[in-house]
N, C-alpha and C. Protein backbone atom coordinates (compact mmCIF):
# COMPACT_ATOMS: atom_id res chain seq x y z
N UNK A 1 118.82 168.58 124.68
CA UNK A 1 119.35 168.48 123.35
C UNK A 1 118.76 167.03 122.81
N UNK A 2 118.31 167.02 121.58
CA UNK A 2 118.01 165.82 120.98
C UNK A 2 119.26 164.95 120.62
N UNK A 3 119.17 163.66 120.66
CA UNK A 3 120.37 162.89 120.32
C UNK A 3 120.96 163.26 118.98
N UNK A 4 120.13 163.54 118.01
CA UNK A 4 120.64 163.83 116.64
C UNK A 4 121.31 165.22 116.56
N UNK A 5 121.06 166.05 117.46
CA UNK A 5 121.61 167.41 117.44
C UNK A 5 123.17 167.49 117.48
N UNK A 6 123.83 166.27 117.95
CA UNK A 6 125.20 166.19 118.00
C UNK A 6 125.78 165.94 116.61
N UNK A 7 124.99 165.58 115.64
CA UNK A 7 125.46 165.24 114.33
C UNK A 7 125.47 166.57 113.46
N UNK A 8 126.58 166.77 112.69
CA UNK A 8 126.71 167.87 111.69
C UNK A 8 125.78 167.64 110.55
N UNK A 9 125.87 166.33 110.00
CA UNK A 9 125.06 165.99 108.86
C UNK A 9 124.71 164.53 109.05
N UNK A 10 123.59 164.03 108.51
CA UNK A 10 123.18 162.69 108.36
C UNK A 10 122.92 162.44 106.93
N UNK A 11 123.51 161.36 106.45
CA UNK A 11 123.41 160.95 105.05
C UNK A 11 122.43 159.76 104.94
N UNK A 12 121.16 160.01 104.54
CA UNK A 12 120.27 158.87 104.37
C UNK A 12 120.30 158.32 103.01
N UNK A 13 120.58 157.05 102.93
CA UNK A 13 120.75 156.23 101.67
C UNK A 13 119.61 155.22 101.62
N UNK A 14 118.74 155.22 100.58
CA UNK A 14 117.89 154.11 100.33
C UNK A 14 118.66 153.01 99.69
N UNK A 15 118.37 151.80 100.00
CA UNK A 15 119.01 150.60 99.26
C UNK A 15 118.91 150.71 97.81
N UNK A 16 119.79 150.11 97.06
CA UNK A 16 119.72 150.10 95.58
C UNK A 16 118.54 149.44 95.09
N UNK A 17 118.25 149.60 93.89
CA UNK A 17 117.10 148.95 93.19
C UNK A 17 117.15 147.41 93.36
N UNK A 18 115.91 146.80 93.58
CA UNK A 18 115.86 145.36 93.77
C UNK A 18 114.92 144.87 92.60
N UNK A 19 114.95 143.44 92.59
CA UNK A 19 114.08 142.87 91.59
C UNK A 19 112.62 143.05 91.73
N UNK A 20 112.20 143.17 93.03
CA UNK A 20 110.77 143.40 93.31
C UNK A 20 110.53 144.85 93.11
N UNK A 21 111.40 145.78 93.23
CA UNK A 21 111.23 147.21 92.71
C UNK A 21 110.76 147.23 91.38
N UNK A 22 111.57 146.57 90.61
CA UNK A 22 111.32 146.51 89.11
C UNK A 22 110.06 145.88 88.74
N UNK A 23 109.61 144.87 89.52
CA UNK A 23 108.35 144.20 89.25
C UNK A 23 107.15 144.90 89.86
N UNK A 24 107.40 145.99 90.55
CA UNK A 24 106.20 146.57 91.27
C UNK A 24 105.62 145.74 92.44
N UNK A 25 106.36 145.02 93.12
CA UNK A 25 105.89 144.31 94.27
C UNK A 25 106.30 144.87 95.56
N UNK A 26 105.57 144.97 96.50
CA UNK A 26 105.85 145.57 97.76
C UNK A 26 106.74 144.57 98.60
N UNK A 27 107.80 145.19 99.20
CA UNK A 27 108.69 144.31 99.96
C UNK A 27 108.47 144.31 101.45
N UNK A 28 108.29 145.51 102.02
CA UNK A 28 108.21 145.62 103.54
C UNK A 28 109.39 144.95 104.16
N UNK A 29 109.23 143.89 104.98
CA UNK A 29 110.28 143.19 105.65
C UNK A 29 110.65 141.93 104.96
N UNK A 30 110.04 141.64 103.82
CA UNK A 30 110.54 140.55 102.91
C UNK A 30 111.69 141.16 102.18
N UNK A 31 112.28 140.32 101.38
CA UNK A 31 113.44 140.82 100.56
C UNK A 31 113.58 140.26 99.17
N UNK A 32 114.20 141.06 98.25
CA UNK A 32 114.57 140.55 96.97
C UNK A 32 115.95 141.01 96.71
N UNK A 33 116.68 140.39 95.84
CA UNK A 33 118.12 140.76 95.61
C UNK A 33 118.22 142.18 94.80
N UNK A 34 119.41 142.80 95.07
CA UNK A 34 119.70 143.99 94.23
C UNK A 34 119.84 143.59 92.82
N UNK A 35 119.35 144.34 91.85
CA UNK A 35 119.63 144.21 90.46
C UNK A 35 120.99 144.73 90.11
N UNK A 36 121.44 144.46 88.98
CA UNK A 36 122.76 145.01 88.55
C UNK A 36 122.73 146.59 88.63
N UNK A 37 121.56 147.24 88.34
CA UNK A 37 121.45 148.67 88.51
C UNK A 37 121.57 148.98 89.96
N UNK A 38 120.99 148.21 90.76
CA UNK A 38 121.09 148.47 92.21
C UNK A 38 122.45 148.40 92.80
N UNK A 39 123.23 147.49 92.33
CA UNK A 39 124.65 147.28 92.72
C UNK A 39 125.42 148.56 92.25
N UNK A 40 125.18 148.90 91.00
CA UNK A 40 125.78 150.10 90.50
C UNK A 40 125.41 151.36 91.25
N UNK A 41 124.14 151.46 91.74
CA UNK A 41 123.63 152.56 92.47
C UNK A 41 124.45 152.69 93.84
N UNK A 42 124.66 151.45 94.45
CA UNK A 42 125.44 151.45 95.66
C UNK A 42 126.81 151.89 95.51
N UNK A 43 127.47 151.55 94.43
CA UNK A 43 128.83 151.95 94.08
C UNK A 43 128.79 153.48 93.91
N UNK A 44 127.85 153.96 93.19
CA UNK A 44 127.83 155.45 92.91
C UNK A 44 127.48 156.22 94.26
N UNK A 45 126.76 155.66 95.21
CA UNK A 45 126.64 156.23 96.44
C UNK A 45 127.94 156.37 97.18
N UNK A 46 128.68 155.30 97.15
CA UNK A 46 130.02 155.30 97.79
C UNK A 46 130.94 156.49 97.17
N UNK A 47 130.88 156.60 95.84
CA UNK A 47 131.71 157.56 95.13
C UNK A 47 131.21 159.01 95.53
N UNK A 48 129.86 159.21 95.61
CA UNK A 48 129.32 160.44 96.02
C UNK A 48 129.66 160.83 97.41
N UNK A 49 129.78 159.81 98.31
CA UNK A 49 130.02 160.12 99.80
C UNK A 49 131.53 160.30 99.97
N UNK A 50 132.41 159.86 99.10
CA UNK A 50 133.80 160.08 99.30
C UNK A 50 134.07 161.63 99.28
N UNK A 51 134.81 161.99 100.34
CA UNK A 51 135.12 163.49 100.35
C UNK A 51 134.01 164.21 101.27
N UNK A 52 132.99 163.56 101.73
CA UNK A 52 132.00 164.15 102.59
C UNK A 52 132.31 164.17 104.14
N UNK A 53 133.36 163.39 104.40
CA UNK A 53 133.74 163.29 105.75
C UNK A 53 132.85 162.34 106.59
N UNK A 54 132.24 161.37 105.92
CA UNK A 54 131.53 160.54 106.72
C UNK A 54 132.29 159.62 107.61
N UNK A 55 131.77 159.33 108.76
CA UNK A 55 132.54 158.66 109.76
C UNK A 55 131.85 157.48 110.52
N UNK A 56 130.70 157.12 109.99
CA UNK A 56 130.00 155.89 110.61
C UNK A 56 129.05 155.45 109.61
N UNK A 57 128.73 154.14 109.59
CA UNK A 57 127.75 153.59 108.71
C UNK A 57 126.79 152.64 109.41
N UNK A 58 125.61 152.97 109.41
CA UNK A 58 124.45 152.19 109.98
C UNK A 58 123.54 151.63 109.03
N UNK A 59 122.96 150.42 109.20
CA UNK A 59 122.13 149.86 108.12
C UNK A 59 120.91 149.14 108.82
N UNK A 60 119.88 149.10 108.08
CA UNK A 60 118.78 148.12 108.39
C UNK A 60 119.32 146.65 108.31
N UNK A 61 118.64 145.75 108.96
CA UNK A 61 119.10 144.40 108.99
C UNK A 61 118.56 143.68 107.68
N UNK A 62 117.85 144.31 106.90
CA UNK A 62 117.23 143.58 105.71
C UNK A 62 118.23 143.43 104.59
N UNK A 63 118.21 142.39 103.83
CA UNK A 63 119.27 141.91 103.01
C UNK A 63 119.54 143.07 101.89
N UNK A 64 118.64 143.75 101.34
CA UNK A 64 118.84 144.75 100.32
C UNK A 64 119.62 145.91 100.82
N UNK A 65 119.29 146.24 102.10
CA UNK A 65 120.08 147.32 102.78
C UNK A 65 121.41 146.95 103.11
N UNK A 66 121.59 145.75 103.65
CA UNK A 66 122.85 145.28 104.17
C UNK A 66 123.85 145.17 102.85
N UNK A 67 123.21 144.70 101.74
CA UNK A 67 124.06 144.51 100.59
C UNK A 67 124.56 145.89 100.05
N UNK A 68 123.75 146.84 100.19
CA UNK A 68 124.09 148.22 99.75
C UNK A 68 125.07 148.74 100.73
N UNK A 69 124.94 148.66 102.02
CA UNK A 69 125.85 149.14 102.97
C UNK A 69 127.15 148.41 102.79
N UNK A 70 127.24 147.14 102.50
CA UNK A 70 128.53 146.44 102.42
C UNK A 70 129.30 146.97 101.28
N UNK A 71 128.72 147.39 100.21
CA UNK A 71 129.37 147.99 99.14
C UNK A 71 129.94 149.38 99.46
N UNK A 72 129.11 150.14 100.14
CA UNK A 72 129.54 151.50 100.49
C UNK A 72 130.63 151.38 101.53
N UNK A 73 130.44 150.55 102.61
CA UNK A 73 131.43 150.35 103.57
C UNK A 73 132.81 149.86 103.04
N UNK A 74 132.71 148.89 102.14
CA UNK A 74 133.91 148.38 101.48
C UNK A 74 134.75 149.53 100.68
N UNK A 75 133.91 150.36 100.05
CA UNK A 75 134.55 151.46 99.21
C UNK A 75 135.17 152.48 100.18
N UNK A 76 134.51 152.80 101.23
CA UNK A 76 134.89 153.95 102.08
C UNK A 76 135.70 153.46 103.32
N UNK A 77 135.95 152.25 103.55
CA UNK A 77 136.65 151.67 104.67
C UNK A 77 135.93 151.88 105.95
N UNK A 78 134.65 151.80 105.90
CA UNK A 78 133.83 151.86 107.07
C UNK A 78 133.18 150.59 107.55
N UNK A 79 133.24 150.34 108.93
CA UNK A 79 132.51 149.09 109.38
C UNK A 79 131.05 149.34 109.32
N UNK A 80 130.23 148.29 109.03
CA UNK A 80 128.87 148.33 108.97
C UNK A 80 128.14 148.00 110.32
N UNK A 81 127.45 148.79 110.86
CA UNK A 81 126.71 148.62 112.09
C UNK A 81 125.21 148.34 111.84
N UNK A 82 124.77 147.16 112.15
CA UNK A 82 123.32 146.81 111.89
C UNK A 82 122.43 147.28 113.07
N UNK A 83 121.40 147.97 112.75
CA UNK A 83 120.33 148.53 113.79
C UNK A 83 119.06 147.93 113.44
N UNK A 84 118.60 146.96 114.18
CA UNK A 84 117.38 146.19 113.82
C UNK A 84 116.17 147.20 113.56
N UNK A 85 116.09 148.21 114.40
CA UNK A 85 114.99 149.20 114.27
C UNK A 85 114.87 149.93 112.94
N UNK A 86 116.01 149.82 112.02
CA UNK A 86 115.92 150.52 110.87
C UNK A 86 115.19 149.72 109.71
N UNK A 87 114.71 148.52 110.09
CA UNK A 87 113.96 147.68 109.15
C UNK A 87 112.80 148.53 108.55
N UNK A 88 112.40 148.15 107.29
CA UNK A 88 111.32 148.87 106.69
C UNK A 88 110.00 148.60 107.49
N UNK A 89 109.01 149.53 107.19
CA UNK A 89 107.62 149.39 107.76
C UNK A 89 107.14 147.96 107.35
N UNK A 90 106.65 147.29 108.30
CA UNK A 90 106.12 145.83 108.10
C UNK A 90 104.87 145.84 107.27
N UNK A 91 104.89 145.33 106.12
CA UNK A 91 103.71 145.36 105.12
C UNK A 91 102.71 144.19 105.36
N UNK A 92 102.95 143.42 106.44
CA UNK A 92 101.93 142.40 106.75
C UNK A 92 101.58 141.55 105.50
N UNK A 93 100.26 141.46 105.27
CA UNK A 93 99.80 140.62 104.14
C UNK A 93 99.93 141.18 102.93
N UNK A 94 100.35 142.41 102.76
CA UNK A 94 100.62 143.14 101.45
C UNK A 94 102.02 142.70 100.92
N UNK A 95 102.88 142.28 101.82
CA UNK A 95 104.24 142.02 101.39
C UNK A 95 104.29 140.96 100.21
N UNK A 96 105.08 141.27 99.12
CA UNK A 96 105.25 140.44 98.01
C UNK A 96 104.18 140.68 96.89
N UNK A 97 103.19 141.50 97.21
CA UNK A 97 102.06 141.61 96.35
C UNK A 97 102.24 142.91 95.45
N UNK A 98 101.69 142.86 94.27
CA UNK A 98 101.58 144.11 93.44
C UNK A 98 100.37 144.93 93.92
N UNK A 99 100.26 146.13 93.39
CA UNK A 99 99.09 147.04 93.57
C UNK A 99 97.82 146.32 93.04
N UNK A 100 97.87 145.73 92.04
CA UNK A 100 96.73 145.04 91.41
C UNK A 100 96.20 143.81 92.30
N UNK A 101 97.27 143.10 92.86
CA UNK A 101 96.97 141.94 93.72
C UNK A 101 96.28 142.49 95.07
N UNK A 102 96.77 143.54 95.51
CA UNK A 102 96.24 144.21 96.77
C UNK A 102 94.79 144.67 96.60
N UNK A 103 94.61 145.29 95.40
CA UNK A 103 93.21 145.76 95.15
C UNK A 103 92.27 144.71 95.08
N UNK A 104 92.72 143.59 94.52
CA UNK A 104 91.77 142.36 94.27
C UNK A 104 91.47 141.61 95.62
N UNK A 105 92.54 141.51 96.39
CA UNK A 105 92.44 140.75 97.68
C UNK A 105 92.01 141.52 98.89
N UNK A 106 92.22 142.91 98.82
CA UNK A 106 91.89 143.69 99.99
C UNK A 106 91.07 144.87 99.49
N UNK A 107 89.94 144.70 98.95
CA UNK A 107 89.12 145.88 98.34
C UNK A 107 88.76 146.83 99.43
N UNK A 108 89.06 148.09 99.08
CA UNK A 108 88.74 149.26 100.04
C UNK A 108 89.88 149.62 100.95
N UNK A 109 90.88 148.84 101.01
CA UNK A 109 91.95 149.18 101.99
C UNK A 109 92.75 150.43 101.49
N UNK A 110 92.90 150.69 100.29
CA UNK A 110 93.63 151.80 99.86
C UNK A 110 92.99 153.15 100.25
N UNK A 111 91.55 153.09 100.13
CA UNK A 111 90.77 154.16 100.57
C UNK A 111 90.86 154.50 102.10
N UNK A 112 90.92 153.46 102.80
CA UNK A 112 90.98 153.59 104.27
C UNK A 112 92.42 154.09 104.57
N UNK A 113 93.47 153.69 103.93
CA UNK A 113 94.67 154.26 104.17
C UNK A 113 94.76 155.77 103.82
N UNK A 114 94.11 156.08 102.64
CA UNK A 114 94.19 157.50 102.38
C UNK A 114 93.59 158.36 103.34
N UNK A 115 92.51 157.91 104.09
CA UNK A 115 91.91 158.65 105.13
C UNK A 115 92.73 159.07 106.26
N UNK A 116 93.73 158.16 106.56
CA UNK A 116 94.61 158.41 107.70
C UNK A 116 95.85 157.69 107.58
N UNK A 117 96.68 158.18 106.61
CA UNK A 117 97.85 157.42 106.17
C UNK A 117 98.86 157.13 107.32
N UNK A 118 99.02 158.03 108.31
CA UNK A 118 99.97 157.82 109.40
C UNK A 118 99.48 156.79 110.37
N UNK A 119 98.30 156.66 110.60
CA UNK A 119 97.75 155.68 111.65
C UNK A 119 97.25 154.39 110.99
N UNK A 120 96.94 154.40 109.64
CA UNK A 120 96.46 153.24 109.00
C UNK A 120 97.57 152.14 109.10
N UNK A 121 97.04 150.87 109.43
CA UNK A 121 98.04 149.78 109.67
C UNK A 121 97.84 148.72 108.48
N UNK A 122 99.02 148.39 107.96
CA UNK A 122 98.93 147.20 106.94
C UNK A 122 98.26 146.00 107.72
N UNK A 123 97.32 145.34 107.07
CA UNK A 123 96.76 144.09 107.66
C UNK A 123 97.85 143.16 108.02
N UNK A 124 97.96 142.75 109.32
CA UNK A 124 99.00 141.95 109.83
C UNK A 124 100.31 142.50 109.87
N UNK A 125 100.37 143.84 109.75
CA UNK A 125 101.77 144.50 109.84
C UNK A 125 101.73 145.77 110.65
N UNK A 126 102.36 146.84 110.27
CA UNK A 126 102.62 148.06 111.03
C UNK A 126 101.90 149.21 110.37
N UNK A 127 101.75 150.28 111.08
CA UNK A 127 101.37 151.57 110.62
C UNK A 127 102.63 152.51 110.56
N UNK A 128 102.57 153.58 109.96
CA UNK A 128 103.68 154.60 109.99
C UNK A 128 103.87 155.01 111.53
N UNK A 129 102.77 155.04 112.23
CA UNK A 129 102.91 155.50 113.74
C UNK A 129 103.64 154.52 114.43
N UNK A 130 103.37 153.22 114.21
CA UNK A 130 104.07 152.12 114.85
C UNK A 130 105.66 152.21 114.59
N UNK A 131 105.97 152.38 113.29
CA UNK A 131 107.36 152.45 112.83
C UNK A 131 108.03 153.75 113.24
N UNK A 132 107.27 154.80 113.49
CA UNK A 132 107.85 156.04 114.04
C UNK A 132 108.57 155.82 115.30
N UNK A 133 108.04 154.99 116.13
CA UNK A 133 108.55 154.75 117.42
C UNK A 133 110.04 154.03 117.21
N UNK A 134 109.98 153.09 116.23
CA UNK A 134 111.24 152.33 115.97
C UNK A 134 112.26 153.33 115.45
N UNK A 135 111.84 154.28 114.50
CA UNK A 135 112.69 155.25 114.04
C UNK A 135 113.41 156.05 115.19
N UNK A 136 112.66 156.43 116.09
CA UNK A 136 113.27 157.10 117.33
C UNK A 136 114.29 156.28 118.05
N UNK A 137 113.88 154.90 118.18
CA UNK A 137 114.89 154.02 118.85
C UNK A 137 116.12 153.84 118.06
N UNK A 138 116.00 153.81 116.69
CA UNK A 138 117.17 153.66 115.81
C UNK A 138 118.06 154.77 115.87
N UNK A 139 117.60 155.96 115.94
CA UNK A 139 118.45 157.14 116.04
C UNK A 139 119.00 157.36 117.33
N UNK A 140 118.36 156.91 118.42
CA UNK A 140 118.92 156.86 119.70
C UNK A 140 120.11 155.92 119.91
N UNK A 141 119.96 154.75 119.19
CA UNK A 141 121.04 153.75 119.24
C UNK A 141 122.20 154.26 118.40
N UNK A 142 122.00 154.87 117.20
CA UNK A 142 123.08 155.33 116.36
C UNK A 142 123.72 156.52 117.04
N UNK A 143 123.05 157.22 118.00
CA UNK A 143 123.70 158.40 118.51
C UNK A 143 124.70 158.02 119.65
N UNK A 144 124.71 156.77 120.08
CA UNK A 144 125.59 156.32 121.16
C UNK A 144 127.04 156.03 120.48
N UNK A 145 127.17 156.13 119.19
CA UNK A 145 128.49 155.92 118.52
C UNK A 145 129.08 157.25 118.36
N UNK A 146 130.39 157.34 118.51
CA UNK A 146 131.15 158.61 118.36
C UNK A 146 131.25 159.05 116.84
N UNK A 147 130.11 159.48 116.21
CA UNK A 147 130.14 160.02 114.89
C UNK A 147 129.66 161.47 114.76
N UNK A 148 130.12 162.14 113.77
CA UNK A 148 129.73 163.49 113.44
C UNK A 148 128.87 163.51 112.19
N UNK A 149 129.19 162.56 111.26
CA UNK A 149 128.53 162.66 109.88
C UNK A 149 128.20 161.24 109.53
N UNK A 150 127.21 160.59 110.19
CA UNK A 150 126.88 159.20 109.82
C UNK A 150 126.14 158.99 108.53
N UNK A 151 126.31 157.78 107.98
CA UNK A 151 125.49 157.36 106.87
C UNK A 151 124.50 156.35 107.39
N UNK A 152 123.26 156.49 106.99
CA UNK A 152 122.23 155.45 107.36
C UNK A 152 121.68 154.92 106.20
N UNK A 153 121.70 153.57 105.91
CA UNK A 153 121.14 152.90 104.80
C UNK A 153 119.92 152.25 105.28
N UNK A 154 118.77 152.63 104.60
CA UNK A 154 117.57 152.04 105.00
C UNK A 154 116.55 151.99 103.91
N UNK A 155 115.32 152.39 104.01
CA UNK A 155 114.27 152.12 103.05
C UNK A 155 113.43 153.43 102.97
N UNK A 156 112.56 153.43 101.92
CA UNK A 156 111.83 154.66 101.67
C UNK A 156 110.96 155.02 102.77
N UNK A 157 110.13 154.07 103.30
CA UNK A 157 108.98 154.38 104.27
C UNK A 157 109.57 154.74 105.61
N UNK A 158 110.56 153.91 106.12
CA UNK A 158 111.09 154.15 107.36
C UNK A 158 112.01 155.40 107.30
N UNK A 159 112.49 155.68 106.07
CA UNK A 159 113.24 156.95 105.82
C UNK A 159 112.39 158.15 105.92
N UNK A 160 111.15 158.03 105.66
CA UNK A 160 110.25 159.27 105.91
C UNK A 160 110.20 159.65 107.40
N UNK A 161 110.19 158.50 108.21
CA UNK A 161 110.18 158.73 109.63
C UNK A 161 111.38 159.17 110.20
N UNK A 162 112.60 158.78 109.56
CA UNK A 162 113.81 159.30 110.01
C UNK A 162 113.95 160.80 109.77
N UNK A 163 113.44 161.17 108.53
CA UNK A 163 113.27 162.59 108.14
C UNK A 163 112.48 163.34 109.28
N UNK A 164 111.34 162.70 109.57
CA UNK A 164 110.53 163.38 110.57
C UNK A 164 111.27 163.60 111.86
N UNK A 165 111.95 162.63 112.39
CA UNK A 165 112.62 162.72 113.61
C UNK A 165 113.75 163.67 113.54
N UNK A 166 114.49 163.69 112.45
CA UNK A 166 115.76 164.46 112.32
C UNK A 166 115.46 165.85 112.08
N UNK A 167 114.29 166.28 111.39
CA UNK A 167 114.05 167.57 110.84
C UNK A 167 112.86 168.19 111.64
N UNK A 168 112.16 167.40 112.53
CA UNK A 168 111.16 167.89 113.33
C UNK A 168 109.84 168.19 112.50
N UNK A 169 109.61 167.31 111.52
CA UNK A 169 108.49 167.49 110.66
C UNK A 169 107.21 166.87 111.24
N UNK A 170 106.16 167.38 110.80
CA UNK A 170 104.79 166.84 111.08
C UNK A 170 104.53 165.54 110.26
N UNK A 171 103.67 164.64 110.64
CA UNK A 171 103.51 163.44 109.87
C UNK A 171 103.19 163.66 108.40
N UNK A 172 102.32 164.60 108.08
CA UNK A 172 101.96 164.81 106.70
C UNK A 172 103.19 165.25 105.87
N UNK A 173 103.93 166.13 106.38
CA UNK A 173 105.14 166.64 105.77
C UNK A 173 106.06 165.41 105.51
N UNK A 174 106.36 164.63 106.40
CA UNK A 174 107.21 163.61 106.46
C UNK A 174 106.81 162.51 105.33
N UNK A 175 105.53 162.18 105.41
CA UNK A 175 104.92 161.13 104.49
C UNK A 175 105.00 161.57 103.07
N UNK A 176 105.09 162.89 102.79
CA UNK A 176 105.10 163.36 101.39
C UNK A 176 106.52 163.24 100.80
N UNK A 177 107.44 162.99 101.56
CA UNK A 177 108.83 162.84 101.08
C UNK A 177 109.05 161.52 100.26
N UNK A 178 109.63 161.68 98.98
CA UNK A 178 110.05 160.46 98.32
C UNK A 178 111.47 160.42 98.20
N UNK A 179 112.08 159.19 98.11
CA UNK A 179 113.49 159.09 97.93
C UNK A 179 113.81 157.98 96.89
N UNK A 180 114.14 158.24 95.71
CA UNK A 180 114.47 157.17 94.72
C UNK A 180 115.81 156.46 95.13
N UNK A 181 115.92 155.37 94.52
CA UNK A 181 117.05 154.51 94.99
C UNK A 181 118.47 155.14 94.71
N UNK A 182 118.52 156.20 93.73
CA UNK A 182 119.72 156.69 93.49
C UNK A 182 120.00 158.16 94.04
N UNK A 183 119.31 158.47 95.13
CA UNK A 183 119.36 159.73 95.65
C UNK A 183 119.85 159.62 97.19
N UNK A 184 120.78 160.39 97.67
CA UNK A 184 121.16 160.48 98.95
C UNK A 184 120.56 161.71 99.56
N UNK A 185 119.87 161.60 100.60
CA UNK A 185 119.29 162.85 101.40
C UNK A 185 120.24 163.21 102.39
N UNK A 186 120.72 164.50 102.35
CA UNK A 186 121.62 165.13 103.33
C UNK A 186 120.89 166.02 104.23
N UNK A 187 120.83 165.59 105.50
CA UNK A 187 120.07 166.29 106.48
C UNK A 187 120.95 166.99 107.47
N UNK A 188 120.62 168.30 107.87
CA UNK A 188 121.31 168.95 108.93
C UNK A 188 120.31 169.09 110.06
N UNK A 189 120.46 168.26 110.99
CA UNK A 189 119.47 168.14 112.11
C UNK A 189 119.44 169.45 112.97
N UNK A 190 120.57 170.22 113.10
CA UNK A 190 120.56 171.42 113.78
C UNK A 190 119.85 172.53 113.10
N UNK A 191 120.03 172.69 111.71
CA UNK A 191 119.41 173.80 110.96
C UNK A 191 118.07 173.26 110.46
N UNK A 192 117.93 171.94 110.59
CA UNK A 192 116.62 171.40 110.01
C UNK A 192 116.42 171.59 108.59
N UNK A 193 117.50 171.31 107.83
CA UNK A 193 117.54 171.55 106.38
C UNK A 193 117.80 170.22 105.69
N UNK A 194 117.41 170.10 104.39
CA UNK A 194 117.59 168.92 103.58
C UNK A 194 118.09 169.29 102.22
N UNK A 195 119.09 168.59 101.77
CA UNK A 195 119.42 168.70 100.27
C UNK A 195 119.59 167.27 99.75
N UNK A 196 119.78 167.12 98.48
CA UNK A 196 119.95 165.82 97.80
C UNK A 196 121.16 165.87 97.02
N UNK A 197 121.82 164.59 97.08
CA UNK A 197 122.88 164.27 96.17
C UNK A 197 122.46 163.12 95.27
N UNK A 198 122.41 163.41 94.04
CA UNK A 198 121.96 162.28 93.03
C UNK A 198 123.23 161.53 92.58
N UNK A 199 123.35 160.36 92.93
CA UNK A 199 124.45 159.47 92.67
C UNK A 199 124.53 159.27 91.04
N UNK A 200 125.69 159.46 90.52
CA UNK A 200 125.88 159.25 89.00
C UNK A 200 126.61 157.98 88.86
N UNK A 201 125.96 157.16 87.97
CA UNK A 201 126.70 155.89 87.66
C UNK A 201 127.63 155.99 86.51
């Protein structure tokens, strides 16, 4: 049995909107603060999760995820457990840059990425394949806690790999998944199904 098969549901939450999200700058393992909209999204997530029977709360160590998790935990009365392996894919030299900056400083990298998105590695950072191993370790760590319906607060890119692990997806399927800041992905690891809750502010 996979570790995750003991879970009835897993609620994947992407951190609330940040200042760099608004500016179109890539964060990776750097950080920027939640915007007022991001704070409201975290509160809306908590409201949406109330009544779902969630019984554990895990988060990435990065500030934007921890801030989101703190709001959710405070509203739902759950302790926040930090799992370092839930950190976002490391963007290396791309962190903090806009798409235009990247195209100017690293010509041709986007084309190389498109040719093999799963294995392409950010210059000075990680590939999805690298982070996939972390996603597996993160879920193994979370599964040692006595929970049936955990909430995991993380990021869009590592979130794709959590989907992959929990639903048994291939790399291309997983990398095609998007998760806006105001959407909770509800996964059933046993049935390998996914639905969404859109938090309303």
